[in-house]
Protein backbone atom coordinates (compact mmCIF):
# COMPACT_ATOMS: atom_id res chain seq x y z
CA UNK A 1 -135.30 76.76 11.49
CA UNK A 2 -135.34 76.92 7.71
CA UNK A 3 -137.20 74.67 5.30
CA UNK A 4 -136.45 74.59 1.59
CA UNK A 5 -139.59 75.03 -0.49
CA UNK A 6 -139.54 74.58 -4.27
CA UNK A 7 -139.95 77.90 -6.08
CA UNK A 8 -143.10 76.75 -7.86
CA UNK A 9 -144.76 75.82 -4.56
CA UNK A 10 -143.66 79.06 -2.92
CA UNK A 11 -145.20 81.03 -5.78
CA UNK A 12 -148.51 79.22 -5.23
CA UNK A 13 -148.32 79.84 -1.49
CA UNK A 14 -147.68 83.55 -2.11
CA UNK A 15 -150.86 83.73 -4.19
CA UNK A 16 -152.87 81.89 -1.52
CA UNK A 17 -151.46 84.14 1.21
CA UNK A 18 -152.31 87.32 -0.72
CA UNK A 19 -155.83 86.23 -1.62
CA UNK A 20 -156.49 84.92 1.91
CA UNK A 21 -155.34 88.06 3.67
CA UNK A 22 -152.31 86.46 5.33
CA UNK A 23 -149.51 88.74 6.49
CA UNK A 24 -146.94 86.64 4.64
CA UNK A 25 -146.21 83.13 3.39
CA UNK A 26 -144.60 82.15 6.69
CA UNK A 27 -147.83 82.91 8.60
CA UNK A 28 -149.82 80.82 6.13
CA UNK A 29 -147.41 77.89 6.40
CA UNK A 30 -147.50 77.98 10.22
CA UNK A 31 -151.32 77.96 10.11
CA UNK A 32 -151.37 75.02 7.68
CA UNK A 33 -148.88 73.01 9.74
CA UNK A 34 -150.83 73.61 12.95
CA UNK A 35 -154.08 72.62 11.27
CA UNK A 36 -152.50 69.47 9.86
CA UNK A 37 -151.07 68.54 13.26
CA UNK A 38 -154.47 69.03 14.90
CA UNK A 39 -156.17 66.87 12.28
CA UNK A 40 -153.56 64.16 12.72
CA UNK A 41 -154.09 64.22 16.48
CA UNK A 42 -157.85 63.99 15.97
CA UNK A 43 -157.35 60.95 13.74
CA UNK A 44 -155.14 59.32 16.37
CA UNK A 45 -157.92 59.78 18.93
CA UNK A 46 -160.35 57.66 16.87
CA UNK A 47 -160.65 54.11 18.23
CA UNK A 48 -159.04 51.44 16.03
CA UNK A 49 -162.42 49.74 15.39
CA UNK A 50 -163.79 52.97 13.92
CA UNK A 51 -160.70 53.42 11.77
CA UNK A 52 -161.17 49.93 10.38
CA UNK A 53 -164.83 50.70 9.61
CA UNK A 54 -163.82 53.92 7.85
CA UNK A 55 -161.19 52.05 5.82
CA UNK A 56 -163.75 49.38 4.88
CA UNK A 57 -166.27 51.97 3.70
CA UNK A 58 -163.63 53.89 1.73
CA UNK A 59 -162.53 50.66 0.09
CA UNK A 60 -166.13 49.81 -0.84
CA UNK A 61 -166.44 53.26 -2.42
CA UNK A 62 -163.24 52.69 -4.40
CA UNK A 63 -161.09 55.26 -2.61
CA UNK A 64 -158.64 52.69 -1.25
């Protein structure tokens, strides 16, 4: 599968991959996608009442 990435973003990802010791940009992107998917799953596991409390607190702090 191929994904089009804007040149400017790819350039930034190359720099991150080099400085982070990644084999290549593709390895970095796969890591980031896996991490994002895991975090999304973790968020989905939070009970709705807790999510509402988090939203309320974030709103009080001015983030939402």
